[in-house]
C-alpha atoms as a PDB file:
ATOM      1  CA  MET A   1     -62.440 -24.376 -12.372  1.00  0.00           C
ATOM      2  CA  VAL A   2     -60.003 -22.017 -14.016  1.00  0.00           C
ATOM      3  CA  PHE A   3     -58.961 -19.040 -11.949  1.00  0.00           C
ATOM      4  CA  ASP A   4     -59.481 -15.902 -14.017  1.00  0.00           C
ATOM      5  CA  VAL A   5     -60.698 -12.348 -13.534  1.00  0.00           C
ATOM      6  CA  SER A   6     -64.395 -13.250 -13.325  1.00  0.00           C
ATOM      7  CA  VAL A   7     -63.763 -15.857 -10.632  1.00  0.00           C
ATOM      8  CA  ALA A   8     -61.721 -13.338  -8.637  1.00  0.00           C
ATOM      9  CA  LEU A   9     -64.477 -10.711  -8.919  1.00  0.00           C
ATOM     10  CA  ASN A  10     -67.098 -13.256  -7.840  1.00  0.00           C
ATOM     11  CA  TRP A  11     -65.063 -14.101  -4.761  1.00  0.00           C
ATOM     12  CA  ILE A  12     -64.571 -10.422  -3.988  1.00  0.00           C
ATOM     13  CA  LEU A  13     -68.333  -9.839  -4.230  1.00  0.00           C
ATOM     14  CA  PHE A  14     -69.028 -12.844  -2.011  1.00  0.00           C
ATOM     15  CA  LEU A  15     -66.453 -11.856   0.608  1.00  0.00           C
ATOM     16  CA  ALA A  16     -67.678  -8.246   0.544  1.00  0.00           C
ATOM     17  CA  LEU A  17     -71.145  -9.418   1.607  1.00  0.00           C
ATOM     18  CA  PHE A  18     -69.872 -10.226   5.122  1.00  0.00           C
ATOM     19  CA  PRO A  19     -68.728  -6.715   6.128  1.00  0.00           C
ATOM     20  CA  ILE A  20     -71.697  -5.169   4.302  1.00  0.00           C
ATOM     21  CA  ALA A  21     -74.132  -7.253   6.364  1.00  0.00           C
ATOM     22  CA  PHE A  22     -72.188  -6.517   9.549  1.00  0.00           C
ATOM     23  CA  PHE A  23     -72.188  -2.743   9.093  1.00  0.00           C
ATOM     24  CA  TRP A  24     -75.833  -2.526   8.015  1.00  0.00           C
ATOM     25  CA  LEU A  25     -77.073  -4.708  10.876  1.00  0.00           C
ATOM     26  CA  ARG A  26     -74.841  -2.849  13.338  1.00  0.00           C
ATOM     27  CA  ARG A  27     -76.284   0.467  12.154  1.00  0.00           C
ATOM     28  CA  ALA A  28     -79.828  -0.893  12.599  1.00  0.00           C
ATOM     29  CA  TRP A  29     -78.864  -2.086  16.117  1.00  0.00           C
ATOM     30  CA  ARG A  30     -77.451   1.327  17.020  1.00  0.00           C
ATOM     31  CA  ILE A  31     -80.576   3.102  15.822  1.00  0.00           C
ATOM     32  CA  MET A  32     -83.190   0.758  17.291  1.00  0.00           C
ATOM     33  CA  VAL A  33     -81.609  -0.421  20.539  1.00  0.00           C
ATOM     34  CA  LYS A  34     -78.972   2.138  21.519  1.00  0.00           C
ATOM     35  CA  ARG A  35     -81.040   5.099  20.213  1.00  0.00           C
ATOM     36  CA  ASP A  36     -77.956   6.551  18.511  1.00  0.00           C
ATOM     37  CA  PHE A  37     -79.225   8.809  15.740  1.00  0.00           C
ATOM     38  CA  SER A  38     -75.848  10.194  14.687  1.00  0.00           C
ATOM     39  CA  GLU A  39     -75.915   8.340  11.347  1.00  0.00           C
ATOM     40  CA  VAL A  40     -79.581   8.899  10.458  1.00  0.00           C
ATOM     41  CA  ALA A  41     -80.329  10.660   7.166  1.00  0.00           C
ATOM     42  CA  LEU A  42     -76.982  12.408   6.805  1.00  0.00           C
ATOM     43  CA  LYS A  43     -76.540  14.990   4.078  1.00  0.00           C
ATOM     44  CA  ARG A  44     -72.990  16.241   3.629  1.00  0.00           C
ATOM     45  CA  GLY A  45     -72.174  14.795   7.048  1.00  0.00           C
ATOM     46  CA  GLU A  46     -74.868  16.771   8.874  1.00  0.00           C
ATOM     47  CA  SER A  47     -77.826  15.312  10.726  1.00  0.00           C
ATOM     48  CA  PRO A  48     -81.331  16.671  10.139  1.00  0.00           C
ATOM     49  CA  ARG A  49     -83.006  18.927  12.699  1.00  0.00           C
ATOM     50  CA  ASN A  50     -85.033  16.050  14.153  1.00  0.00           C
ATOM     51  CA  PRO A  51     -83.186  12.774  13.470  1.00  0.00           C
ATOM     52  CA  ALA A  52     -85.520  10.799  15.755  1.00  0.00           C
ATOM     53  CA  ARG A  53     -88.310  11.441  13.258  1.00  0.00           C
ATOM     54  CA  TYR A  54     -86.424   9.614  10.502  1.00  0.00           C
ATOM     55  CA  ALA A  55     -84.800   6.955  12.697  1.00  0.00           C
ATOM     56  CA  PRO A  56     -87.471   4.239  12.185  1.00  0.00           C
ATOM     57  CA  PHE A  57     -87.124   4.558   8.414  1.00  0.00           C
ATOM     58  CA  ALA A  58     -83.325   4.416   8.537  1.00  0.00           C
ATOM     59  CA  ALA A  59     -83.472   1.421  10.888  1.00  0.00           C
ATOM     60  CA  ALA A  60     -85.895  -0.384   8.568  1.00  0.00           C
ATOM     61  CA  ILE A  61     -83.724   0.276   5.512  1.00  0.00           C
ATOM     62  CA  ASN A  62     -80.634  -1.061   7.278  1.00  0.00           C
ATOM     63  CA  LEU A  63     -82.395  -4.016   8.889  1.00  0.00           C
ATOM     64  CA  ILE A  64     -84.080  -5.166   5.676  1.00  0.00           C
ATOM     65  CA  GLY A  65     -80.910  -4.692   3.632  1.00  0.00           C
ATOM     66  CA  GLY A  66     -78.746  -6.505   6.182  1.00  0.00           C
ATOM     67  CA  GLY A  67     -81.288  -9.309   6.484  1.00  0.00           C
ATOM     68  CA  ILE A  68     -81.393  -9.856   2.737  1.00  0.00           C
ATOM     69  CA  VAL A  69     -77.598  -9.924   2.557  1.00  0.00           C
ATOM     70  CA  VAL A  70     -77.436 -12.512   5.376  1.00  0.00           C
ATOM     71  CA  PHE A  71     -80.086 -14.535   3.519  1.00  0.00           C
ATOM     72  CA  VAL A  72     -77.936 -14.418   0.378  1.00  0.00           C
ATOM     73  CA  ILE A  73     -74.838 -15.487   2.328  1.00  0.00           C
ATOM     74  CA  PHE A  74     -76.662 -18.515   3.747  1.00  0.00           C
ATOM     75  CA  GLY A  75     -78.059 -19.293   0.298  1.00  0.00           C
ATOM     76  CA  ILE A  76     -74.558 -19.306  -1.141  1.00  0.00           C
ATOM     77  CA  LEU A  77     -73.064 -21.392   1.667  1.00  0.00           C
ATOM     78  CA  THR A  78     -75.824 -23.997   1.458  1.00  0.00           C
ATOM     79  CA  ALA A  79     -75.627 -24.020  -2.375  1.00  0.00           C
ATOM     80  CA  ARG A  80     -79.292 -23.072  -2.767  1.00  0.00           C
ATOM     81  CA  PHE A  81     -78.530 -20.172  -5.124  1.00  0.00           C
ATOM     82  CA  ASP A  82     -76.722 -20.336  -8.422  1.00  0.00           C
ATOM     83  CA  PHE A  83     -74.398 -17.506  -9.382  1.00  0.00           C
ATOM     84  CA  GLU A  84     -76.928 -15.495 -11.396  1.00  0.00           C
ATOM     85  CA  THR A  85     -79.488 -15.599  -8.589  1.00  0.00           C
ATOM     86  CA  TRP A  86     -77.277 -14.598  -5.687  1.00  0.00           C
ATOM     87  CA  SER A  87     -75.379 -11.928  -7.605  1.00  0.00           C
ATOM     88  CA  ALA A  88     -78.659 -10.398  -8.811  1.00  0.00           C
ATOM     89  CA  ILE A  89     -80.149 -10.359  -5.316  1.00  0.00           C
ATOM     90  CA  ALA A  90     -76.957  -9.004  -3.734  1.00  0.00           C
ATOM     91  CA  GLY A  91     -76.417  -6.330  -6.372  1.00  0.00           C
ATOM     92  CA  SER A  92     -80.035  -5.180  -6.312  1.00  0.00           C
ATOM     93  CA  THR A  93     -80.005  -5.035  -2.523  1.00  0.00           C
ATOM     94  CA  ILE A  94     -76.842  -2.949  -2.397  1.00  0.00           C
ATOM     95  CA  TRP A  95     -78.116  -0.484  -4.995  1.00  0.00           C
ATOM     96  CA  MET A  96     -81.568  -0.200  -3.433  1.00  0.00           C
ATOM     97  CA  LYS A  97     -80.032   0.427  -0.001  1.00  0.00           C
ATOM     98  CA  PHE A  98     -77.991   3.304  -1.433  1.00  0.00           C
ATOM     99  CA  ILE A  99     -80.998   4.710  -3.287  1.00  0.00           C
ATOM    100  CA  PHE A 100     -83.322   4.513  -0.260  1.00  0.00           C
ATOM    101  CA  ASP A 101     -80.686   6.113   2.001  1.00  0.00           C
ATOM    102  CA  PHE A 102     -80.322   8.921  -0.530  1.00  0.00           C
ATOM    103  CA  ILE A 103     -84.089   9.437  -0.700  1.00  0.00           C
ATOM    104  CA  LEU A 104     -84.339   9.492   3.108  1.00  0.00           C
ATOM    105  CA  SER A 105     -81.515  12.007   3.458  1.00  0.00           C
ATOM    106  CA  ARG A 106     -83.114  14.313   0.899  1.00  0.00           C
ATOM    107  CA  GLN A 107     -86.493  14.003   2.620  1.00  0.00           C
ATOM    108  CA  ALA A 108     -84.926  14.833   5.992  1.00  0.00           C
ATOM    109  CA  HIS A 109     -83.116  17.877   4.585  1.00  0.00           C
ATOM    110  CA  PRO A 110     -85.709  19.756   2.554  1.00  0.00           C
ATOM    111  CA  MET A 111     -84.545  22.189  -0.070  1.00  0.00           C
ATOM    112  CA  VAL A 112     -84.919  25.739   1.187  1.00  0.00           C
ATOM    113  CA  LEU A 113     -84.992  28.493  -1.355  1.00  0.00           C
ATOM    114  CA  LYS A 114     -83.226  31.546  -0.019  1.00  0.00           C
ATOM    115  CA  LYS A 115     -85.044  34.830  -0.383  1.00  0.00           C
ATOM    116  CA  ARG A 116     -83.058  37.679  -1.766  1.00  0.00           C
ATOM    117  CA  ASN A 117     -82.908  40.615   0.562  1.00  0.00           C
ATOM    118  CA  LYS A 118     -84.156  44.096  -0.340  1.00  0.00           C
ATOM    119  CA  GLN A 119     -80.694  45.431  -1.159  1.00  0.00           C
ATOM    120  CA  GLU A 120     -80.147  42.777  -3.815  1.00  0.00           C
ATOM    121  CA  ASN A 121     -83.606  43.503  -5.235  1.00  0.00           C
ATOM    122  CA  ALA A 122     -82.878  47.234  -5.385  1.00  0.00           C
ATOM    123  CA  ALA A 123     -79.515  46.661  -7.045  1.00  0.00           C
ATOM    124  CA  GLY A 124     -81.106  44.324  -9.544  1.00  0.00           C
ATOM    125  CA  ASP A 125     -83.850  46.844 -10.383  1.00  0.00           C
ATOM    126  CA  ALA A 126     -81.333  49.694 -10.786  1.00  0.00           C
ATOM    127  CA  GLY A 127     -79.331  47.659 -13.299  1.00  0.00           C
ATOM    128  CA  LYS A 128     -82.314  47.253 -15.625  1.00  0.00           C
END
């Protein structure tokens, strides 16, 4: 095996799976067991009005994502997965976790259209 850039990137991806799994499973533990909703559906660092409502979804996203990453780690260590398989599963899992977290945060923070007050309406009508 020749050590080149692709081998280094593969090792970085493999070693990055360990902290990823740790943080995702720890977040699921905090939400489900410790009932800490401080990291549930954040948008710009702010929690939604009722984070307990979205906590089961956030816990499921983190638990499933962390479980798949642990499964991939064991598959790599036991040589059950070739490179294409484990990198595809790991990459898809990471991207889907980010996408589902984004969707949940946008669902928890609905877009509110601000109504213009009467003074702005009057000023707008006078300018026409």
